[in-house]
């Protein structure tokens, strides 16, 4: 639980999230410019890159916070982990949670989390699309 007051914690997440969302958008633009629109629409290279980079950065952040944690660790976790990397890609949070469960020996929960995340994410998107297509 956060030791920061709720408003301060929320502002840390909001600031980091805004920056992460802008970085995500600019990464997509850069990949499209670099590879060309036809290639980027054939395979989601930008999303793949963001997921890989975000997961690497989350690992570096989690390792650094575990090793060098101090009184500002919670602020950094909220600003960079929850905010910046959460706005950049939620896959980094998923990756961290998976690894933590695996390291704790919770293989069943890790498997269930992976399967449910994939199935519910794809299913939710399909249902949302179907509802909107039927409505319009």
N, C-alpha and C. Protein backbone atom coordinates (compact mmCIF):
# COMPACT_ATOMS: atom_id res chain seq x y z
N UNK A 1 0.84 -1.17 0.00
CA UNK A 1 0.00 0.00 0.00
C UNK A 1 0.89 1.24 0.00
N UNK A 2 0.46 2.26 -0.68
CA UNK A 2 1.24 3.47 -0.82
C UNK A 2 1.36 4.22 0.50
N UNK A 3 2.56 4.73 0.77
CA UNK A 3 2.77 5.56 1.94
C UNK A 3 2.57 7.03 1.60
N UNK A 4 2.41 7.34 0.32
CA UNK A 4 2.13 8.70 -0.10
C UNK A 4 0.67 9.03 0.12
N UNK A 5 0.36 10.29 0.38
CA UNK A 5 -1.06 10.66 0.41
C UNK A 5 -1.70 10.32 -0.93
N UNK A 6 -2.98 10.01 -0.90
CA UNK A 6 -3.68 9.55 -2.11
C UNK A 6 -3.55 10.52 -3.27
N UNK A 7 -3.70 11.81 -3.05
CA UNK A 7 -3.60 12.79 -4.13
C UNK A 7 -2.20 12.80 -4.74
N UNK A 8 -1.17 12.78 -3.89
CA UNK A 8 0.20 12.77 -4.40
C UNK A 8 0.48 11.49 -5.20
N UNK A 9 0.02 10.36 -4.69
CA UNK A 9 0.21 9.09 -5.40
C UNK A 9 -0.49 9.13 -6.75
N UNK A 10 -1.72 9.64 -6.77
CA UNK A 10 -2.48 9.74 -8.01
C UNK A 10 -1.79 10.66 -9.01
N UNK A 11 -1.24 11.75 -8.54
CA UNK A 11 -0.54 12.68 -9.44
C UNK A 11 0.74 12.06 -10.00
N UNK A 12 1.44 11.28 -9.20
CA UNK A 12 2.63 10.57 -9.70
C UNK A 12 2.23 9.63 -10.84
N UNK A 13 1.17 8.87 -10.64
CA UNK A 13 0.70 7.92 -11.66
C UNK A 13 0.23 8.67 -12.90
N UNK A 14 -0.52 9.76 -12.71
CA UNK A 14 -1.05 10.52 -13.84
C UNK A 14 0.07 11.14 -14.67
N UNK A 15 1.05 11.72 -14.02
CA UNK A 15 2.16 12.34 -14.73
C UNK A 15 2.95 11.30 -15.52
N UNK A 16 3.29 10.20 -14.86
CA UNK A 16 4.01 9.13 -15.55
C UNK A 16 3.18 8.52 -16.66
N UNK A 17 1.88 8.32 -16.41
CA UNK A 17 1.01 7.73 -17.42
C UNK A 17 0.88 8.59 -18.66
N UNK A 18 0.79 9.88 -18.46
CA UNK A 18 0.71 10.79 -19.62
C UNK A 18 1.98 10.70 -20.45
N UNK A 19 3.11 10.71 -19.79
CA UNK A 19 4.38 10.61 -20.52
C UNK A 19 4.50 9.26 -21.23
N UNK A 20 4.08 8.19 -20.55
CA UNK A 20 4.13 6.86 -21.16
C UNK A 20 3.24 6.74 -22.38
N UNK A 21 2.05 7.33 -22.30
CA UNK A 21 1.13 7.28 -23.44
C UNK A 21 1.70 8.04 -24.64
N UNK A 22 2.32 9.17 -24.39
CA UNK A 22 2.95 9.94 -25.47
C UNK A 22 4.10 9.15 -26.07
N UNK A 23 4.92 8.52 -25.23
CA UNK A 23 6.02 7.70 -25.73
C UNK A 23 5.51 6.53 -26.57
N UNK A 24 4.41 5.93 -26.14
CA UNK A 24 3.82 4.82 -26.90
C UNK A 24 3.37 5.29 -28.27
N UNK A 25 2.67 6.42 -28.30
CA UNK A 25 2.19 7.00 -29.56
C UNK A 25 3.36 7.34 -30.48
N UNK A 26 4.39 7.97 -29.93
CA UNK A 26 5.54 8.37 -30.74
C UNK A 26 6.33 7.16 -31.23
N UNK A 27 6.37 6.10 -30.44
CA UNK A 27 7.04 4.87 -30.88
C UNK A 27 6.32 4.29 -32.09
N UNK A 28 5.00 4.28 -32.04
CA UNK A 28 4.22 3.81 -33.19
C UNK A 28 4.47 4.66 -34.43
N UNK A 29 4.51 5.97 -34.26
CA UNK A 29 4.79 6.87 -35.39
C UNK A 29 6.18 6.63 -35.95
N UNK A 30 7.16 6.47 -35.04
CA UNK A 30 8.54 6.25 -35.47
C UNK A 30 8.66 4.93 -36.24
N UNK A 31 8.03 3.88 -35.73
CA UNK A 31 8.10 2.58 -36.41
C UNK A 31 7.43 2.65 -37.78
N UNK A 32 6.33 3.36 -37.87
CA UNK A 32 5.65 3.51 -39.16
C UNK A 32 6.53 4.28 -40.14
N UNK A 33 7.17 5.33 -39.66
CA UNK A 33 8.06 6.11 -40.52
C UNK A 33 9.27 5.27 -40.95
N UNK A 34 9.82 4.51 -40.01
CA UNK A 34 11.02 3.72 -40.27
C UNK A 34 10.74 2.54 -41.20
N UNK A 35 9.66 1.78 -40.91
CA UNK A 35 9.38 0.57 -41.68
C UNK A 35 8.43 0.79 -42.85
N UNK A 36 7.62 1.82 -42.76
CA UNK A 36 6.63 2.09 -43.79
C UNK A 36 5.26 1.56 -43.39
N UNK A 37 4.21 2.27 -43.82
CA UNK A 37 2.84 1.89 -43.43
C UNK A 37 2.45 0.48 -43.86
N UNK A 38 2.89 0.03 -45.02
CA UNK A 38 2.47 -1.30 -45.49
C UNK A 38 3.03 -2.41 -44.60
N UNK A 39 4.24 -2.25 -44.13
CA UNK A 39 4.83 -3.28 -43.27
C UNK A 39 4.19 -3.25 -41.88
N UNK A 40 3.98 -2.05 -41.35
CA UNK A 40 3.43 -1.92 -40.01
C UNK A 40 1.97 -2.39 -39.95
N UNK A 41 1.25 -2.28 -41.04
CA UNK A 41 -0.13 -2.78 -41.05
C UNK A 41 -0.18 -4.29 -41.31
N UNK A 42 0.91 -4.86 -41.79
CA UNK A 42 0.98 -6.31 -42.00
C UNK A 42 1.31 -7.06 -40.72
N UNK A 43 2.17 -6.47 -39.90
CA UNK A 43 2.58 -7.09 -38.63
C UNK A 43 2.75 -5.98 -37.60
N UNK A 44 2.24 -6.17 -36.37
CA UNK A 44 2.28 -5.10 -35.37
C UNK A 44 3.65 -4.93 -34.71
N UNK A 45 4.64 -4.50 -35.51
CA UNK A 45 5.99 -4.32 -34.99
C UNK A 45 6.05 -3.30 -33.85
N UNK A 46 5.27 -2.24 -33.95
CA UNK A 46 5.31 -1.20 -32.92
C UNK A 46 4.84 -1.76 -31.57
N UNK A 47 3.76 -2.51 -31.58
CA UNK A 47 3.26 -3.10 -30.34
C UNK A 47 4.25 -4.10 -29.79
N UNK A 48 4.83 -4.91 -30.65
CA UNK A 48 5.84 -5.87 -30.23
C UNK A 48 7.04 -5.15 -29.59
N UNK A 49 7.49 -4.10 -30.22
CA UNK A 49 8.63 -3.33 -29.70
C UNK A 49 8.30 -2.71 -28.35
N UNK A 50 7.14 -2.11 -28.25
CA UNK A 50 6.72 -1.47 -26.99
C UNK A 50 6.62 -2.51 -25.88
N UNK A 51 6.04 -3.66 -26.17
CA UNK A 51 5.92 -4.71 -25.16
C UNK A 51 7.28 -5.21 -24.70
N UNK A 52 8.20 -5.41 -25.64
CA UNK A 52 9.53 -5.89 -25.29
C UNK A 52 10.31 -4.84 -24.52
N UNK A 53 10.29 -3.61 -24.99
CA UNK A 53 11.02 -2.52 -24.32
C UNK A 53 10.42 -2.26 -22.94
N UNK A 54 9.09 -2.21 -22.86
CA UNK A 54 8.44 -1.96 -21.58
C UNK A 54 8.74 -3.04 -20.56
N UNK A 55 8.76 -4.29 -21.00
CA UNK A 55 9.06 -5.39 -20.10
C UNK A 55 10.51 -5.33 -19.63
N UNK A 56 11.43 -5.01 -20.53
CA UNK A 56 12.83 -4.86 -20.14
C UNK A 56 12.97 -3.74 -19.11
N UNK A 57 12.35 -2.61 -19.38
CA UNK A 57 12.43 -1.48 -18.46
C UNK A 57 11.78 -1.79 -17.11
N UNK A 58 10.68 -2.54 -17.12
CA UNK A 58 10.04 -2.92 -15.86
C UNK A 58 10.96 -3.83 -15.05
N UNK A 59 11.65 -4.74 -15.72
CA UNK A 59 12.60 -5.60 -15.03
C UNK A 59 13.75 -4.81 -14.43
N UNK A 60 14.27 -3.86 -15.19
CA UNK A 60 15.34 -3.00 -14.68
C UNK A 60 14.86 -2.18 -13.49
N UNK A 61 13.67 -1.62 -13.59
CA UNK A 61 13.12 -0.81 -12.50
C UNK A 61 12.88 -1.66 -11.25
N UNK A 62 12.24 -2.81 -11.42
CA UNK A 62 11.95 -3.67 -10.27
C UNK A 62 13.23 -4.13 -9.60
N UNK A 63 14.22 -4.50 -10.40
CA UNK A 63 15.51 -4.92 -9.84
C UNK A 63 16.21 -3.78 -9.12
N UNK A 64 16.17 -2.59 -9.71
CA UNK A 64 16.81 -1.43 -9.09
C UNK A 64 16.11 -1.07 -7.78
N UNK A 65 14.78 -1.06 -7.79
CA UNK A 65 14.04 -0.73 -6.57
C UNK A 65 14.28 -1.77 -5.47
N UNK A 66 14.38 -3.03 -5.85
CA UNK A 66 14.63 -4.08 -4.87
C UNK A 66 16.02 -3.93 -4.25
N UNK A 67 16.98 -3.52 -5.04
CA UNK A 67 18.36 -3.40 -4.57
C UNK A 67 18.63 -2.08 -3.85
N UNK A 68 18.05 -1.00 -4.36
CA UNK A 68 18.39 0.34 -3.86
C UNK A 68 17.21 1.05 -3.23
N UNK A 69 16.18 0.32 -2.83
CA UNK A 69 14.99 0.95 -2.28
C UNK A 69 15.30 1.87 -1.11
N UNK A 70 14.63 3.01 -1.10
CA UNK A 70 14.76 3.97 0.00
C UNK A 70 13.45 4.72 0.17
N UNK A 71 13.50 5.87 0.78
CA UNK A 71 12.26 6.60 1.06
C UNK A 71 11.57 7.13 -0.20
N UNK A 72 12.30 7.22 -1.31
CA UNK A 72 11.67 7.68 -2.55
C UNK A 72 11.24 6.52 -3.46
N UNK A 73 11.44 5.29 -3.01
CA UNK A 73 11.12 4.13 -3.85
C UNK A 73 9.65 4.09 -4.26
N UNK A 74 8.75 4.39 -3.34
CA UNK A 74 7.32 4.36 -3.65
C UNK A 74 6.98 5.41 -4.70
N UNK A 75 7.58 6.57 -4.59
CA UNK A 75 7.34 7.62 -5.59
C UNK A 75 7.83 7.18 -6.96
N UNK A 76 9.01 6.58 -7.00
CA UNK A 76 9.56 6.09 -8.27
C UNK A 76 8.72 4.94 -8.83
N UNK A 77 8.28 4.05 -7.97
CA UNK A 77 7.45 2.93 -8.42
C UNK A 77 6.16 3.44 -9.05
N UNK A 78 5.54 4.42 -8.39
CA UNK A 78 4.29 4.97 -8.92
C UNK A 78 4.51 5.77 -10.19
N UNK A 79 5.53 6.62 -10.20
CA UNK A 79 5.80 7.47 -11.36
C UNK A 79 6.26 6.66 -12.56
N UNK A 80 7.25 5.80 -12.33
CA UNK A 80 7.86 5.08 -13.45
C UNK A 80 7.21 3.73 -13.75
N UNK A 81 6.93 2.94 -12.72
CA UNK A 81 6.38 1.61 -12.94
C UNK A 81 4.91 1.63 -13.29
N UNK A 82 4.10 2.19 -12.38
CA UNK A 82 2.65 2.23 -12.61
C UNK A 82 2.30 3.25 -13.68
N UNK A 83 2.90 4.44 -13.60
CA UNK A 83 2.56 5.52 -14.51
C UNK A 83 3.21 5.40 -15.87
N UNK A 84 4.51 5.68 -15.93
CA UNK A 84 5.21 5.72 -17.22
C UNK A 84 5.10 4.40 -17.98
N UNK A 85 5.51 3.31 -17.33
CA UNK A 85 5.47 2.02 -18.03
C UNK A 85 4.04 1.52 -18.21
N UNK A 86 3.16 1.85 -17.28
CA UNK A 86 1.75 1.49 -17.45
C UNK A 86 1.11 2.22 -18.62
N UNK A 87 1.49 3.49 -18.82
CA UNK A 87 0.99 4.24 -19.97
C UNK A 87 1.66 3.81 -21.26
N UNK A 88 2.90 3.35 -21.16
CA UNK A 88 3.65 2.90 -22.33
C UNK A 88 3.15 1.54 -22.79
N UNK A 89 3.00 0.62 -21.84
CA UNK A 89 2.48 -0.72 -22.14
C UNK A 89 2.06 -1.41 -20.86
N UNK A 90 0.86 -1.94 -20.83
CA UNK A 90 0.46 -2.71 -19.66
C UNK A 90 1.08 -4.11 -19.69
N UNK A 91 1.68 -4.48 -20.80
CA UNK A 91 2.31 -5.79 -20.89
C UNK A 91 3.48 -5.88 -19.93
N UNK A 92 4.12 -4.75 -19.65
CA UNK A 92 5.23 -4.76 -18.70
C UNK A 92 4.75 -5.14 -17.31
N UNK A 93 3.58 -4.65 -16.92
CA UNK A 93 3.01 -5.02 -15.61
C UNK A 93 2.63 -6.49 -15.61
N UNK A 94 2.04 -6.96 -16.69
CA UNK A 94 1.70 -8.37 -16.83
C UNK A 94 2.95 -9.23 -16.69
N UNK A 95 4.02 -8.83 -17.37
CA UNK A 95 5.28 -9.60 -17.32
C UNK A 95 5.83 -9.65 -15.90
N UNK A 96 5.83 -8.51 -15.21
CA UNK A 96 6.32 -8.47 -13.84
C UNK A 96 5.49 -9.38 -12.94
N UNK A 97 4.18 -9.29 -13.04
CA UNK A 97 3.30 -10.12 -12.21
C UNK A 97 3.51 -11.60 -12.49
N UNK A 98 3.69 -11.96 -13.76
CA UNK A 98 3.94 -13.36 -14.11
C UNK A 98 5.24 -13.85 -13.48
N UNK A 99 6.30 -13.08 -13.62
CA UNK A 99 7.60 -13.49 -13.09
C UNK A 99 7.54 -13.60 -11.57
N UNK A 100 6.88 -12.67 -10.91
CA UNK A 100 6.77 -12.74 -9.44
C UNK A 100 6.05 -14.01 -9.01
N UNK A 101 4.97 -14.38 -9.71
CA UNK A 101 4.26 -15.61 -9.37
C UNK A 101 5.14 -16.84 -9.61
N UNK A 102 5.87 -16.83 -10.71
CA UNK A 102 6.77 -17.95 -11.03
C UNK A 102 7.87 -18.04 -9.98
N UNK A 103 8.46 -16.91 -9.60
CA UNK A 103 9.51 -16.92 -8.58
C UNK A 103 9.00 -17.40 -7.23
N UNK A 104 7.72 -17.17 -6.94
CA UNK A 104 7.13 -17.64 -5.68
C UNK A 104 6.70 -19.10 -5.77
N UNK A 105 6.89 -19.71 -6.94
CA UNK A 105 6.49 -21.10 -7.12
C UNK A 105 5.01 -21.27 -7.36
N UNK A 106 4.30 -20.21 -7.70
CA UNK A 106 2.86 -20.27 -7.93
C UNK A 106 2.58 -20.55 -9.41
N UNK A 107 3.02 -21.72 -9.86
CA UNK A 107 2.94 -22.07 -11.27
C UNK A 107 1.51 -22.19 -11.76
N UNK A 108 0.64 -22.73 -10.94
CA UNK A 108 -0.75 -22.86 -11.33
C UNK A 108 -1.39 -21.48 -11.50
N UNK A 109 -1.16 -20.60 -10.54
CA UNK A 109 -1.71 -19.24 -10.65
C UNK A 109 -1.12 -18.49 -11.85
N UNK A 110 0.17 -18.67 -12.09
CA UNK A 110 0.81 -18.01 -13.22
C UNK A 110 0.20 -18.50 -14.54
N UNK A 111 0.01 -19.80 -14.64
CA UNK A 111 -0.61 -20.36 -15.85
C UNK A 111 -2.04 -19.87 -16.01
N UNK A 112 -2.78 -19.89 -14.93
CA UNK A 112 -4.16 -19.42 -14.96
C UNK A 112 -4.22 -17.95 -15.36
N UNK A 113 -3.34 -17.14 -14.79
CA UNK A 113 -3.30 -15.71 -15.10
C UNK A 113 -2.99 -15.49 -16.58
N UNK A 114 -2.02 -16.23 -17.12
CA UNK A 114 -1.66 -16.08 -18.53
C UNK A 114 -2.82 -16.48 -19.44
N UNK A 115 -3.41 -17.62 -19.15
CA UNK A 115 -4.52 -18.12 -19.98
C UNK A 115 -5.72 -17.20 -19.89
N UNK A 116 -6.09 -16.80 -18.67
CA UNK A 116 -7.25 -15.92 -18.51
C UNK A 116 -7.00 -14.54 -19.12
N UNK A 117 -5.80 -14.01 -18.96
CA UNK A 117 -5.49 -12.69 -19.54
C UNK A 117 -5.65 -12.72 -21.05
N UNK A 118 -5.11 -13.75 -21.66
CA UNK A 118 -5.21 -13.88 -23.11
C UNK A 118 -6.67 -14.10 -23.54
N UNK A 119 -7.31 -15.09 -22.93
CA UNK A 119 -8.68 -15.44 -23.33
C UNK A 119 -9.66 -14.31 -23.06
N UNK A 120 -9.57 -13.71 -21.88
CA UNK A 120 -10.52 -12.64 -21.55
C UNK A 120 -10.25 -11.38 -22.35
N UNK A 121 -8.97 -11.09 -22.62
CA UNK A 121 -8.64 -9.92 -23.43
C UNK A 121 -9.17 -10.05 -24.85
N UNK A 122 -8.90 -11.19 -25.49
CA UNK A 122 -9.37 -11.41 -26.86
C UNK A 122 -10.89 -11.50 -26.89
N UNK A 123 -11.48 -12.23 -25.95
CA UNK A 123 -12.94 -12.36 -25.90
C UNK A 123 -13.62 -11.03 -25.66
N UNK A 124 -13.07 -10.26 -24.72
CA UNK A 124 -13.64 -8.94 -24.44
C UNK A 124 -13.63 -8.04 -25.65
N UNK A 125 -12.53 -8.05 -26.37
CA UNK A 125 -12.45 -7.24 -27.58
C UNK A 125 -13.45 -7.71 -28.63
N UNK A 126 -13.56 -9.01 -28.80
CA UNK A 126 -14.50 -9.55 -29.79
C UNK A 126 -15.94 -9.21 -29.43
N UNK A 127 -16.29 -9.32 -28.15
CA UNK A 127 -17.65 -8.98 -27.71
C UNK A 127 -17.91 -7.50 -27.91
N UNK A 128 -16.94 -6.66 -27.54
CA UNK A 128 -17.10 -5.22 -27.74
C UNK A 128 -17.30 -4.87 -29.20
N UNK A 129 -16.51 -5.46 -30.08
CA UNK A 129 -16.67 -5.23 -31.52
C UNK A 129 -18.05 -5.70 -32.01
N UNK A 130 -18.46 -6.88 -31.57
CA UNK A 130 -19.74 -7.42 -32.00
C UNK A 130 -20.89 -6.53 -31.54
N UNK A 131 -20.85 -6.07 -30.31
CA UNK A 131 -21.90 -5.19 -29.79
C UNK A 131 -21.97 -3.90 -30.61
N UNK A 132 -20.83 -3.32 -30.90
CA UNK A 132 -20.83 -2.07 -31.66
C UNK A 132 -21.25 -2.29 -33.11
N UNK A 133 -20.89 -3.42 -33.66
CA UNK A 133 -21.31 -3.70 -35.04
C UNK A 133 -22.81 -3.92 -35.12
N UNK A 134 -23.37 -4.57 -34.09
CA UNK A 134 -24.82 -4.78 -34.09
C UNK A 134 -25.55 -3.46 -33.85
N UNK A 135 -24.95 -2.57 -33.08
CA UNK A 135 -25.59 -1.29 -32.77
C UNK A 135 -25.55 -0.34 -33.95
N UNK A 136 -24.60 -0.51 -34.83
CA UNK A 136 -24.46 0.49 -35.87
C UNK A 136 -24.56 -0.08 -37.21
